[in-house]
PDB file of all heavy atoms in Angstrom:
ATOM      1  N   SER A   1      -1.245  -8.290 -11.272  1.00  0.00           N
ATOM      2  CA  SER A   1      -0.164  -7.827 -12.133  1.00  0.00           C
ATOM      3  C   SER A   1       1.195  -8.162 -11.513  1.00  0.00           C
ATOM      4  O   SER A   1       2.135  -8.579 -12.251  1.00  0.00           O
ATOM      5  CB  SER A   1      -0.303  -6.329 -12.375  1.00  0.00           C
ATOM      6  OG  SER A   1       0.598  -5.901 -13.377  1.00  0.00           O
ATOM      7  N   PHE A   2       1.355  -7.978 -10.218  1.00  0.00           N
ATOM      8  CA  PHE A   2       2.614  -8.336  -9.576  1.00  0.00           C
ATOM      9  C   PHE A   2       2.894  -9.828  -9.665  1.00  0.00           C
ATOM     10  O   PHE A   2       4.026 -10.273  -9.815  1.00  0.00           O
ATOM     11  CB  PHE A   2       2.625  -7.881  -8.116  1.00  0.00           C
ATOM     12  CG  PHE A   2       3.283  -6.549  -7.882  1.00  0.00           C
ATOM     13  CD1 PHE A   2       2.512  -5.476  -7.427  1.00  0.00           C
ATOM     14  CD2 PHE A   2       4.609  -6.337  -8.126  1.00  0.00           C
ATOM     15  CE1 PHE A   2       3.100  -4.242  -7.198  1.00  0.00           C
ATOM     16  CE2 PHE A   2       5.198  -5.104  -7.911  1.00  0.00           C
ATOM     17  CZ  PHE A   2       4.450  -4.061  -7.451  1.00  0.00           C
ATOM     18  N   ARG A   3       1.823 -10.625  -9.568  1.00  0.00           N
ATOM     19  CA  ARG A   3       1.991 -12.086  -9.706  1.00  0.00           C
ATOM     20  C   ARG A   3       2.615 -12.425 -11.071  1.00  0.00           C
ATOM     21  O   ARG A   3       3.561 -13.196 -11.187  1.00  0.00           O
ATOM     22  CB  ARG A   3       0.674 -12.794  -9.509  1.00  0.00           C
ATOM     23  CG  ARG A   3       0.730 -14.294  -9.798  1.00  0.00           C
ATOM     24  CD  ARG A   3      -0.627 -14.946  -9.663  1.00  0.00           C
ATOM     25  NE  ARG A   3      -0.587 -16.318 -10.174  1.00  0.00           N
ATOM     26  CZ  ARG A   3      -0.158 -17.367  -9.489  1.00  0.00           C
ATOM     27  NH1 ARG A   3       0.256 -17.214  -8.228  1.00  0.00           N
ATOM     28  NH2 ARG A   3      -0.143 -18.572 -10.040  1.00  0.00           N
ATOM     29  N   THR A   4       2.054 -11.796 -12.111  1.00  0.00           N
ATOM     30  CA  THR A   4       2.564 -12.021 -13.475  1.00  0.00           C
ATOM     31  C   THR A   4       4.013 -11.593 -13.588  1.00  0.00           C
ATOM     32  O   THR A   4       4.857 -12.276 -14.193  1.00  0.00           O
ATOM     33  CB  THR A   4       1.688 -11.264 -14.478  1.00  0.00           C
ATOM     34  OG1 THR A   4       0.337 -11.727 -14.363  1.00  0.00           O
ATOM     35  CG2 THR A   4       2.165 -11.494 -15.901  1.00  0.00           C
ATOM     36  N   ILE A   5       4.347 -10.433 -13.006  1.00  0.00           N
ATOM     37  CA  ILE A   5       5.712  -9.914 -13.061  1.00  0.00           C
ATOM     38  C   ILE A   5       6.684 -10.881 -12.375  1.00  0.00           C
ATOM     39  O   ILE A   5       7.754 -11.210 -12.896  1.00  0.00           O
ATOM     40  CB  ILE A   5       5.804  -8.510 -12.437  1.00  0.00           C
ATOM     41  CG1 ILE A   5       5.044  -7.492 -13.287  1.00  0.00           C
ATOM     42  CG2 ILE A   5       7.246  -8.116 -12.212  1.00  0.00           C
ATOM     43  CD1 ILE A   5       5.713  -7.189 -14.609  1.00  0.00           C
ATOM     44  N   LEU A   6       6.311 -11.342 -11.186  1.00  0.00           N
ATOM     45  CA  LEU A   6       7.191 -12.259 -10.440  1.00  0.00           C
ATOM     46  C   LEU A   6       7.434 -13.553 -11.226  1.00  0.00           C
ATOM     47  O   LEU A   6       8.558 -14.042 -11.309  1.00  0.00           O
ATOM     48  CB  LEU A   6       6.573 -12.574  -9.082  1.00  0.00           C
ATOM     49  CG  LEU A   6       6.675 -11.478  -8.016  1.00  0.00           C
ATOM     50  CD1 LEU A   6       5.822 -11.830  -6.800  1.00  0.00           C
ATOM     51  CD2 LEU A   6       8.109 -11.239  -7.600  1.00  0.00           C
ATOM     52  N   MET A   7       6.357 -14.087 -11.819  1.00  0.00           N
ATOM     53  CA  MET A   7       6.507 -15.335 -12.563  1.00  0.00           C
ATOM     54  C   MET A   7       7.353 -15.115 -13.811  1.00  0.00           C
ATOM     55  O   MET A   7       8.184 -15.972 -14.175  1.00  0.00           O
ATOM     56  CB  MET A   7       5.133 -15.889 -12.921  1.00  0.00           C
ATOM     57  CG  MET A   7       4.322 -16.316 -11.696  1.00  0.00           C
ATOM     58  SD  MET A   7       2.695 -16.940 -12.105  1.00  0.00           S
ATOM     59  CE  MET A   7       3.109 -18.465 -12.933  1.00  0.00           C
ATOM     60  N   ARG A   8       7.181 -13.980 -14.480  1.00  0.00           N
ATOM     61  CA  ARG A   8       7.994 -13.708 -15.659  1.00  0.00           C
ATOM     62  C   ARG A   8       9.469 -13.550 -15.270  1.00  0.00           C
ATOM     63  O   ARG A   8      10.358 -13.899 -16.055  1.00  0.00           O
ATOM     64  CB  ARG A   8       7.504 -12.457 -16.369  1.00  0.00           C
ATOM     65  CG  ARG A   8       8.151 -12.229 -17.735  1.00  0.00           C
ATOM     66  CD  ARG A   8       7.753 -10.907 -18.328  1.00  0.00           C
ATOM     67  NE  ARG A   8       8.143  -9.781 -17.506  1.00  0.00           N
ATOM     68  CZ  ARG A   8       9.374  -9.308 -17.368  1.00  0.00           C
ATOM     69  NH1 ARG A   8      10.369  -9.916 -17.961  1.00  0.00           N
ATOM     70  NH2 ARG A   8       9.602  -8.269 -16.607  1.00  0.00           N
ATOM     71  N   ARG A   9       9.731 -13.025 -14.079  1.00  0.00           N
ATOM     72  CA  ARG A   9      11.097 -12.897 -13.604  1.00  0.00           C
ATOM     73  C   ARG A   9      11.680 -14.216 -13.070  1.00  0.00           C
ATOM     74  O   ARG A   9      12.799 -14.263 -12.612  1.00  0.00           O
ATOM     75  CB  ARG A   9      11.184 -11.840 -12.501  1.00  0.00           C
ATOM     76  CG  ARG A   9      10.903 -10.424 -12.964  1.00  0.00           C
ATOM     77  CD  ARG A   9      11.060  -9.453 -11.798  1.00  0.00           C
ATOM     78  NE  ARG A   9      10.802  -8.061 -12.175  1.00  0.00           N
ATOM     79  CZ  ARG A   9      10.894  -7.015 -11.361  1.00  0.00           C
ATOM     80  NH1 ARG A   9      11.279  -7.217 -10.096  1.00  0.00           N
ATOM     81  NH2 ARG A   9      10.637  -5.803 -11.780  1.00  0.00           N
ATOM     82  N   GLY A  10      10.872 -15.269 -13.104  1.00  0.00           N
ATOM     83  CA  GLY A  10      11.366 -16.556 -12.627  1.00  0.00           C
ATOM     84  C   GLY A  10      11.301 -16.727 -11.139  1.00  0.00           C
ATOM     85  O   GLY A  10      11.989 -17.611 -10.580  1.00  0.00           O
ATOM     86  N   GLU A  11      10.472 -15.955 -10.453  1.00  0.00           N
ATOM     87  CA  GLU A  11      10.348 -16.034  -8.990  1.00  0.00           C
ATOM     88  C   GLU A  11       8.991 -16.595  -8.630  1.00  0.00           C
ATOM     89  O   GLU A  11       7.974 -16.260  -9.230  1.00  0.00           O
ATOM     90  CB  GLU A  11      10.536 -14.641  -8.359  1.00  0.00           C
ATOM     91  CG  GLU A  11      11.849 -14.001  -8.691  1.00  0.00           C
ATOM     92  CD  GLU A  11      11.987 -12.578  -8.132  1.00  0.00           C
ATOM     93  OE1 GLU A  11      11.448 -12.344  -7.031  1.00  0.00           O
ATOM     94  OE2 GLU A  11      12.621 -11.729  -8.777  1.00  0.00           O
ATOM     95  N   LYS A  12       8.962 -17.440  -7.611  1.00  0.00           N
ATOM     96  CA  LYS A  12       7.726 -18.090  -7.195  1.00  0.00           C
ATOM     97  C   LYS A  12       6.941 -17.151  -6.295  1.00  0.00           C
ATOM     98  O   LYS A  12       7.444 -16.724  -5.256  1.00  0.00           O
ATOM     99  CB  LYS A  12       7.998 -19.400  -6.451  1.00  0.00           C
ATOM    100  CG  LYS A  12       6.736 -20.139  -6.038  1.00  0.00           C
ATOM    101  CD  LYS A  12       7.067 -21.435  -5.323  1.00  0.00           C
ATOM    102  CE  LYS A  12       5.772 -22.136  -4.889  1.00  0.00           C
ATOM    103  NZ  LYS A  12       6.060 -23.409  -4.200  1.00  0.00           N
ATOM    104  N   PRO A  13       5.694 -16.807  -6.649  1.00  0.00           N
ATOM    105  CA  PRO A  13       4.884 -15.954  -5.760  1.00  0.00           C
ATOM    106  C   PRO A  13       4.478 -16.703  -4.495  1.00  0.00           C
ATOM    107  O   PRO A  13       3.854 -17.754  -4.597  1.00  0.00           O
ATOM    108  CB  PRO A  13       3.664 -15.603  -6.626  1.00  0.00           C
ATOM    109  CG  PRO A  13       4.031 -15.960  -8.033  1.00  0.00           C
ATOM    110  CD  PRO A  13       5.012 -17.086  -7.919  1.00  0.00           C
ATOM    111  N   ARG A  14       4.825 -16.176  -3.369  1.00  0.00           N
ATOM    112  CA  ARG A  14       4.505 -16.814  -2.088  1.00  0.00           C
ATOM    113  C   ARG A  14       3.546 -15.936  -1.300  1.00  0.00           C
ATOM    114  O   ARG A  14       3.343 -14.775  -1.618  1.00  0.00           O
ATOM    115  CB  ARG A  14       5.763 -17.043  -1.252  1.00  0.00           C
ATOM    116  CG  ARG A  14       6.826 -17.886  -1.996  1.00  0.00           C
ATOM    117  CD  ARG A  14       8.093 -17.985  -1.142  1.00  0.00           C
ATOM    118  NE  ARG A  14       9.157 -18.674  -1.852  1.00  0.00           N
ATOM    119  CZ  ARG A  14       9.297 -20.000  -1.900  1.00  0.00           C
ATOM    120  NH1 ARG A  14       8.418 -20.757  -1.269  1.00  0.00           N
ATOM    121  NH2 ARG A  14      10.281 -20.549  -2.573  1.00  0.00           N
ATOM    122  N   ARG A  15       2.979 -16.508  -0.259  1.00  0.00           N
ATOM    123  CA  ARG A  15       2.026 -15.759   0.554  1.00  0.00           C
ATOM    124  C   ARG A  15       2.700 -14.530   1.159  1.00  0.00           C
ATOM    125  O   ARG A  15       2.048 -13.490   1.336  1.00  0.00           O
ATOM    126  CB  ARG A  15       1.473 -16.630   1.680  1.00  0.00           C
ATOM    127  CG  ARG A  15       0.347 -15.968   2.464  1.00  0.00           C
ATOM    128  CD  ARG A  15      -0.100 -16.781   3.656  1.00  0.00           C
ATOM    129  NE  ARG A  15      -1.218 -16.166   4.335  1.00  0.00           N
ATOM    130  CZ  ARG A  15      -1.109 -15.143   5.177  1.00  0.00           C
ATOM    131  NH1 ARG A  15       0.107 -14.647   5.462  1.00  0.00           N
ATOM    132  NH2 ARG A  15      -2.179 -14.606   5.754  1.00  0.00           N
ATOM    133  N   THR A  16       3.968 -14.610   1.457  1.00  0.00           N
ATOM    134  CA  THR A  16       4.680 -13.501   2.101  1.00  0.00           C
ATOM    135  C   THR A  16       5.522 -12.686   1.129  1.00  0.00           C
ATOM    136  O   THR A  16       6.413 -11.954   1.531  1.00  0.00           O
ATOM    137  CB  THR A  16       5.573 -14.052   3.230  1.00  0.00           C
ATOM    138  OG1 THR A  16       6.456 -15.041   2.661  1.00  0.00           O
ATOM    139  CG2 THR A  16       4.742 -14.684   4.316  1.00  0.00           C
ATOM    140  N   SER A  17       5.244 -12.823  -0.179  1.00  0.00           N
ATOM    141  CA  SER A  17       6.106 -12.160  -1.163  1.00  0.00           C
ATOM    142  C   SER A  17       5.821 -10.680  -1.321  1.00  0.00           C
ATOM    143  O   SER A  17       6.675  -9.918  -1.759  1.00  0.00           O
ATOM    144  CB  SER A  17       5.925 -12.828  -2.550  1.00  0.00           C
ATOM    145  OG  SER A  17       6.431 -14.148  -2.542  1.00  0.00           O
ATOM    146  N   LEU A  18       4.596 -10.225  -0.985  1.00  0.00           N
ATOM    147  CA  LEU A  18       4.219  -8.843  -1.329  1.00  0.00           C
ATOM    148  C   LEU A  18       3.560  -8.142  -0.157  1.00  0.00           C
ATOM    149  O   LEU A  18       2.355  -7.793  -0.200  1.00  0.00           O
ATOM    150  CB  LEU A  18       3.312  -8.839  -2.549  1.00  0.00           C
ATOM    151  CG  LEU A  18       3.192  -7.489  -3.287  1.00  0.00           C
ATOM    152  CD1 LEU A  18       4.521  -7.080  -3.875  1.00  0.00           C
ATOM    153  CD2 LEU A  18       2.130  -7.544  -4.374  1.00  0.00           C
ATOM    154  N   ARG A  19       4.308  -7.965   0.945  1.00  0.00           N
ATOM    155  CA  ARG A  19       3.780  -7.107   2.016  1.00  0.00           C
ATOM    156  C   ARG A  19       3.789  -5.690   1.489  1.00  0.00           C
ATOM    157  O   ARG A  19       4.800  -5.163   1.022  1.00  0.00           O
ATOM    158  CB  ARG A  19       4.631  -7.202   3.271  1.00  0.00           C
ATOM    159  CG  ARG A  19       4.011  -6.390   4.437  1.00  0.00           C
ATOM    160  CD  ARG A  19       4.839  -6.420   5.679  1.00  0.00           C
ATOM    161  NE  ARG A  19       4.726  -7.667   6.415  1.00  0.00           N
ATOM    162  CZ  ARG A  19       3.761  -7.976   7.240  1.00  0.00           C
ATOM    163  NH1 ARG A  19       2.750  -7.141   7.419  1.00  0.00           N
ATOM    164  NH2 ARG A  19       3.746  -9.118   7.889  1.00  0.00           N
ATOM    165  N   THR A  20       2.648  -5.010   1.605  1.00  0.00           N
ATOM    166  CA  THR A  20       2.435  -3.742   0.938  1.00  0.00           C
ATOM    167  C   THR A  20       2.080  -2.661   1.960  1.00  0.00           C
ATOM    168  O   THR A  20       1.267  -2.846   2.857  1.00  0.00           O
ATOM    169  CB  THR A  20       1.288  -3.868  -0.077  1.00  0.00           C
ATOM    170  OG1 THR A  20       1.612  -4.899  -1.004  1.00  0.00           O
ATOM    171  CG2 THR A  20       1.074  -2.550  -0.854  1.00  0.00           C
ATOM    172  N   LEU A  21       2.752  -1.527   1.817  1.00  0.00           N
ATOM    173  CA  LEU A  21       2.435  -0.364   2.642  1.00  0.00           C
ATOM    174  C   LEU A  21       1.221   0.346   2.052  1.00  0.00           C
ATOM    175  O   LEU A  21       1.264   0.858   0.944  1.00  0.00           O
ATOM    176  CB  LEU A  21       3.640   0.600   2.669  1.00  0.00           C
ATOM    177  CG  LEU A  21       3.441   1.941   3.388  1.00  0.00           C
ATOM    178  CD1 LEU A  21       3.165   1.726   4.857  1.00  0.00           C
ATOM    179  CD2 LEU A  21       4.655   2.828   3.176  1.00  0.00           C
ATOM    180  N   VAL A  22       0.121   0.319   2.794  1.00  0.00           N
ATOM    181  CA  VAL A  22      -1.144   0.920   2.339  1.00  0.00           C
ATOM    182  C   VAL A  22      -1.436   2.103   3.273  1.00  0.00           C
ATOM    183  O   VAL A  22      -1.934   1.897   4.388  1.00  0.00           O
ATOM    184  CB  VAL A  22      -2.300  -0.100   2.360  1.00  0.00           C
ATOM    185  CG1 VAL A  22      -3.590   0.561   1.893  1.00  0.00           C
ATOM    186  CG2 VAL A  22      -1.961  -1.286   1.472  1.00  0.00           C
ATOM    187  N   PRO A  23      -1.143   3.340   2.871  1.00  0.00           N
ATOM    188  CA  PRO A  23      -1.504   4.491   3.679  1.00  0.00           C
ATOM    189  C   PRO A  23      -3.015   4.602   3.854  1.00  0.00           C
ATOM    190  O   PRO A  23      -3.773   4.343   2.911  1.00  0.00           O
ATOM    191  CB  PRO A  23      -0.933   5.689   2.928  1.00  0.00           C
ATOM    192  CG  PRO A  23       0.112   5.095   2.030  1.00  0.00           C
ATOM    193  CD  PRO A  23      -0.407   3.723   1.666  1.00  0.00           C
ATOM    194  N   VAL A  24      -3.446   5.041   5.027  1.00  0.00           N
ATOM    195  CA  VAL A  24      -4.872   5.201   5.326  1.00  0.00           C
ATOM    196  C   VAL A  24      -5.078   6.625   5.849  1.00  0.00           C
ATOM    197  O   VAL A  24      -4.407   7.065   6.794  1.00  0.00           O
ATOM    198  CB  VAL A  24      -5.340   4.200   6.392  1.00  0.00           C
ATOM    199  CG1 VAL A  24      -6.812   4.372   6.672  1.00  0.00           C
ATOM    200  CG2 VAL A  24      -5.044   2.774   5.950  1.00  0.00           C
ATOM    201  N   SER A  25      -5.989   7.341   5.231  1.00  0.00           N
ATOM    202  CA  SER A  25      -6.225   8.740   5.636  1.00  0.00           C
ATOM    203  C   SER A  25      -6.925   8.770   6.984  1.00  0.00           C
ATOM    204  O   SER A  25      -7.849   8.015   7.261  1.00  0.00           O
ATOM    205  CB  SER A  25      -7.083   9.451   4.604  1.00  0.00           C
ATOM    206  OG  SER A  25      -7.384  10.776   5.036  1.00  0.00           O
ATOM    207  N   VAL A  26      -6.457   9.638   7.875  1.00  0.00           N
ATOM    208  CA  VAL A  26      -7.118   9.928   9.154  1.00  0.00           C
ATOM    209  C   VAL A  26      -7.521  11.395   9.179  1.00  0.00           C
ATOM    210  O   VAL A  26      -7.634  12.008  10.226  1.00  0.00           O
ATOM    211  CB  VAL A  26      -6.211   9.574  10.371  1.00  0.00           C
ATOM    212  CG1 VAL A  26      -5.957   8.071  10.419  1.00  0.00           C
ATOM    213  CG2 VAL A  26      -4.886  10.322  10.301  1.00  0.00           C
ATOM    214  N   ARG A  27      -7.766  11.914   7.998  1.00  0.00           N
ATOM    215  CA  ARG A  27      -8.095  13.361   7.839  1.00  0.00           C
ATOM    216  C   ARG A  27      -9.605  13.544   7.944  1.00  0.00           C
ATOM    217  O   ARG A  27     -10.366  12.857   7.265  1.00  0.00           O
ATOM    218  CB  ARG A  27      -7.591  13.807   6.479  1.00  0.00           C
ATOM    219  CG  ARG A  27      -7.776  15.301   6.209  1.00  0.00           C
ATOM    220  CD  ARG A  27      -7.191  15.656   4.857  1.00  0.00           C
ATOM    221  NE  ARG A  27      -5.747  15.442   4.821  1.00  0.00           N
ATOM    222  CZ  ARG A  27      -4.867  16.367   5.184  1.00  0.00           C
ATOM    223  NH1 ARG A  27      -5.293  17.562   5.565  1.00  0.00           N
ATOM    224  NH2 ARG A  27      -3.577  16.099   5.140  1.00  0.00           N
ATOM    225  N   SER A  28     -10.021  14.474   8.755  1.00  0.00           N
ATOM    226  CA  SER A  28     -11.440  14.774   8.888  1.00  0.00           C
ATOM    227  C   SER A  28     -11.874  15.652   7.711  1.00  0.00           C
ATOM    228  O   SER A  28     -11.053  16.288   7.050  1.00  0.00           O
ATOM    229  CB  SER A  28     -11.713  15.523  10.211  1.00  0.00           C
ATOM    230  OG  SER A  28     -10.959  16.731  10.263  1.00  0.00           O
ATOM    231  N   ALA A  29     -13.177  15.660   7.458  1.00  0.00           N
ATOM    232  CA  ALA A  29     -13.698  16.379   6.282  1.00  0.00           C
ATOM    233  C   ALA A  29     -13.410  17.874   6.366  1.00  0.00           C
ATOM    234  O   ALA A  29     -13.156  18.532   5.333  1.00  0.00           O
ATOM    235  CB  ALA A  29     -15.205  16.137   6.165  1.00  0.00           C
ATOM    236  N   ASP A  30     -13.408  18.445   7.564  1.00  0.00           N
ATOM    237  CA  ASP A  30     -13.176  19.885   7.680  1.00  0.00           C
ATOM    238  C   ASP A  30     -11.712  20.274   7.534  1.00  0.00           C
ATOM    239  O   ASP A  30     -11.397  21.483   7.492  1.00  0.00           O
ATOM    240  CB  ASP A  30     -13.735  20.428   9.032  1.00  0.00           C
ATOM    241  CG  ASP A  30     -13.067  19.732  10.229  1.00  0.00           C
ATOM    242  OD1 ASP A  30     -12.323  18.779  10.013  1.00  0.00           O
ATOM    243  OD2 ASP A  30     -13.338  20.161  11.357  1.00  0.00           O
ATOM    244  N   ALA A  31     -10.831  19.292   7.438  1.00  0.00           N
ATOM    245  CA  ALA A  31      -9.392  19.567   7.236  1.00  0.00           C
ATOM    246  C   ALA A  31      -8.915  19.008   5.896  1.00  0.00           C
ATOM    247  O   ALA A  31      -7.717  18.790   5.725  1.00  0.00           O
ATOM    248  CB  ALA A  31      -8.590  18.973   8.383  1.00  0.00           C
ATOM    249  N   ALA A  32      -9.859  18.832   4.954  1.00  0.00           N
ATOM    250  CA  ALA A  32      -9.518  18.159   3.690  1.00  0.00           C
ATOM    251  C   ALA A  32      -8.457  18.925   2.902  1.00  0.00           C
ATOM    252  O   ALA A  32      -7.645  18.331   2.209  1.00  0.00           O
ATOM    253  CB  ALA A  32     -10.760  17.961   2.850  1.00  0.00           C
ATOM    254  N   ASP A  33      -8.475  20.257   2.962  1.00  0.00           N
ATOM    255  CA  ASP A  33      -7.537  21.035   2.157  1.00  0.00           C
ATOM    256  C   ASP A  33      -6.412  21.647   2.961  1.00  0.00           C
ATOM    257  O   ASP A  33      -5.677  22.490   2.469  1.00  0.00           O
ATOM    258  CB  ASP A  33      -8.283  22.132   1.413  1.00  0.00           C
ATOM    259  CG  ASP A  33      -9.030  23.071   2.333  1.00  0.00           C
ATOM    260  OD1 ASP A  33      -9.093  22.778   3.561  1.00  0.00           O
ATOM    261  OD2 ASP A  33      -9.564  24.097   1.856  1.00  0.00           O
ATOM    262  N   ARG A  34      -6.204  21.194   4.202  1.00  0.00           N
ATOM    263  CA  ARG A  34      -5.130  21.743   5.010  1.00  0.00           C
ATOM    264  C   ARG A  34      -3.819  21.105   4.583  1.00  0.00           C
ATOM    265  O   ARG A  34      -3.672  19.869   4.496  1.00  0.00           O
ATOM    266  CB  ARG A  34      -5.353  21.451   6.489  1.00  0.00           C
ATOM    267  CG  ARG A  34      -4.253  21.996   7.372  1.00  0.00           C
ATOM    268  CD  ARG A  34      -4.551  21.828   8.837  1.00  0.00           C
ATOM    269  NE  ARG A  34      -3.430  22.233   9.664  1.00  0.00           N
ATOM    270  CZ  ARG A  34      -3.113  23.462  10.002  1.00  0.00           C
ATOM    271  NH1 ARG A  34      -3.876  24.444   9.553  1.00  0.00           N
ATOM    272  NH2 ARG A  34      -2.067  23.735  10.746  1.00  0.00           N
ATOM    273  N   PRO A  35      -2.797  21.903   4.218  1.00  0.00           N
ATOM    274  CA  PRO A  35      -1.544  21.339   3.716  1.00  0.00           C
ATOM    275  C   PRO A  35      -0.701  20.705   4.839  1.00  0.00           C
ATOM    276  O   PRO A  35       0.082  21.381   5.514  1.00  0.00           O
ATOM    277  CB  PRO A  35      -0.837  22.542   3.094  1.00  0.00           C
ATOM    278  CG  PRO A  35      -1.368  23.728   3.860  1.00  0.00           C
ATOM    279  CD  PRO A  35      -2.770  23.377   4.261  1.00  0.00           C
ATOM    280  N   ASP A  36      -0.848  19.423   5.024  1.00  0.00           N
ATOM    281  CA  ASP A  36      -0.032  18.633   5.940  1.00  0.00           C
ATOM    282  C   ASP A  36      -0.282  17.180   5.648  1.00  0.00           C
ATOM    283  O   ASP A  36      -1.000  16.808   4.722  1.00  0.00           O
ATOM    284  CB  ASP A  36      -0.332  18.999   7.407  1.00  0.00           C
ATOM    285  CG  ASP A  36      -1.787  18.783   7.796  1.00  0.00           C
ATOM    286  OD1 ASP A  36      -2.539  18.165   6.997  1.00  0.00           O
ATOM    287  OD2 ASP A  36      -2.181  19.178   8.904  1.00  0.00           O
ATOM    288  N   ASN A  37       0.293  16.315   6.474  1.00  0.00           N
ATOM    289  CA  ASN A  37       0.134  14.878   6.325  1.00  0.00           C
ATOM    290  C   ASN A  37      -0.682  14.323   7.497  1.00  0.00           C
ATOM    291  O   ASN A  37      -0.335  14.555   8.659  1.00  0.00           O
ATOM    292  CB  ASN A  37       1.487  14.168   6.276  1.00  0.00           C
ATOM    293  CG  ASN A  37       2.228  14.421   4.983  1.00  0.00           C
ATOM    294  OD1 ASN A  37       2.095  13.695   4.011  1.00  0.00           O
ATOM    295  ND2 ASN A  37       3.022  15.486   4.941  1.00  0.00           N
ATOM    296  N   ARG A  38      -1.758  13.623   7.164  1.00  0.00           N
ATOM    297  CA  ARG A  38      -2.620  12.997   8.175  1.00  0.00           C
ATOM    298  C   ARG A  38      -2.958  11.578   7.722  1.00  0.00           C
ATOM    299  O   ARG A  38      -4.032  11.334   7.199  1.00  0.00           O
ATOM    300  CB  ARG A  38      -3.870  13.838   8.424  1.00  0.00           C
ATOM    301  CG  ARG A  38      -3.580  15.278   8.812  1.00  0.00           C
ATOM    302  CD  ARG A  38      -4.795  16.020   9.286  1.00  0.00           C
ATOM    303  NE  ARG A  38      -4.480  17.418   9.547  1.00  0.00           N
ATOM    304  CZ  ARG A  38      -5.265  18.237  10.255  1.00  0.00           C
ATOM    305  NH1 ARG A  38      -6.395  17.817  10.778  1.00  0.00           N
ATOM    306  NH2 ARG A  38      -4.901  19.502  10.427  1.00  0.00           N
ATOM    307  N   VAL A  39      -1.990  10.697   7.884  1.00  0.00           N
ATOM    308  CA  VAL A  39      -2.169   9.340   7.433  1.00  0.00           C
ATOM    309  C   VAL A  39      -1.688   8.370   8.512  1.00  0.00           C
ATOM    310  O   VAL A  39      -0.813   8.674   9.310  1.00  0.00           O
ATOM    311  CB  VAL A  39      -1.421   9.058   6.126  1.00  0.00           C
ATOM    312  CG1 VAL A  39      -2.019   9.849   4.984  1.00  0.00           C
ATOM    313  CG2 VAL A  39       0.063   9.366   6.254  1.00  0.00           C
ATOM    314  N   SER A  40      -2.310   7.191   8.501  1.00  0.00           N
ATOM    315  CA  SER A  40      -1.811   6.048   9.226  1.00  0.00           C
ATOM    316  C   SER A  40      -1.469   4.989   8.200  1.00  0.00           C
ATOM    317  O   SER A  40      -1.459   5.258   7.014  1.00  0.00           O
ATOM    318  CB  SER A  40      -2.857   5.548  10.241  1.00  0.00           C
ATOM    319  OG  SER A  40      -2.326   4.509  11.024  1.00  0.00           O
ATOM    320  N   VAL A  41      -1.184   3.764   8.629  1.00  0.00           N
ATOM    321  CA  VAL A  41      -0.769   2.738   7.685  1.00  0.00           C
ATOM    322  C   VAL A  41      -1.421   1.403   8.003  1.00  0.00           C
ATOM    323  O   VAL A  41      -1.796   1.130   9.160  1.00  0.00           O
ATOM    324  CB  VAL A  41       0.762   2.565   7.660  1.00  0.00           C
ATOM    325  CG1 VAL A  41       1.445   3.828   7.205  1.00  0.00           C
ATOM    326  CG2 VAL A  41       1.296   2.134   9.021  1.00  0.00           C
ATOM    327  N   MET A  42      -1.507   0.575   6.992  1.00  0.00           N
ATOM    328  CA  MET A  42      -1.770  -0.872   7.142  1.00  0.00           C
ATOM    329  C   MET A  42      -0.701  -1.580   6.323  1.00  0.00           C
ATOM    330  O   MET A  42      -0.173  -1.026   5.345  1.00  0.00           O
ATOM    331  CB  MET A  42      -3.173  -1.241   6.672  1.00  0.00           C
ATOM    332  CG  MET A  42      -4.297  -0.635   7.483  1.00  0.00           C
ATOM    333  SD  MET A  42      -5.924  -1.332   7.067  1.00  0.00           S
ATOM    334  CE  MET A  42      -6.087  -0.852   5.352  1.00  0.00           C
ATOM    335  N   LEU A  43      -0.376  -2.814   6.723  1.00  0.00           N
ATOM    336  CA  LEU A  43       0.685  -3.573   6.101  1.00  0.00           C
ATOM    337  C   LEU A  43       0.196  -4.973   5.711  1.00  0.00           C
ATOM    338  O   LEU A  43       0.715  -5.991   6.200  1.00  0.00           O
ATOM    339  CB  LEU A  43       1.895  -3.687   7.023  1.00  0.00           C
ATOM    340  CG  LEU A  43       2.594  -2.370   7.375  1.00  0.00           C
ATOM    341  CD1 LEU A  43       3.662  -2.599   8.450  1.00  0.00           C
ATOM    342  CD2 LEU A  43       3.238  -1.742   6.133  1.00  0.00           C
ATOM    343  N   PRO A  44      -0.780  -5.076   4.823  1.00  0.00           N
ATOM    344  CA  PRO A  44      -1.275  -6.407   4.459  1.00  0.00           C
ATOM    345  C   PRO A  44      -0.329  -7.110   3.458  1.00  0.00           C
ATOM    346  O   PRO A  44       0.438  -6.460   2.739  1.00  0.00           O
ATOM    347  CB  PRO A  44      -2.601  -6.103   3.805  1.00  0.00           C
ATOM    348  CG  PRO A  44      -2.396  -4.751   3.175  1.00  0.00           C
ATOM    349  CD  PRO A  44      -1.493  -4.013   4.125  1.00  0.00           C
TER     350      PRO A  44
END
């Protein structure tokens, strides 16, 4: 979908056009409902 959007906007989709912040949970099952933030990240 982002590829289509970029092309419609007149921009060339490149390999480095869409670095994305992907949060990754580091929450254990026994803390599933604890109100806080337990995430790490990947940047593909």
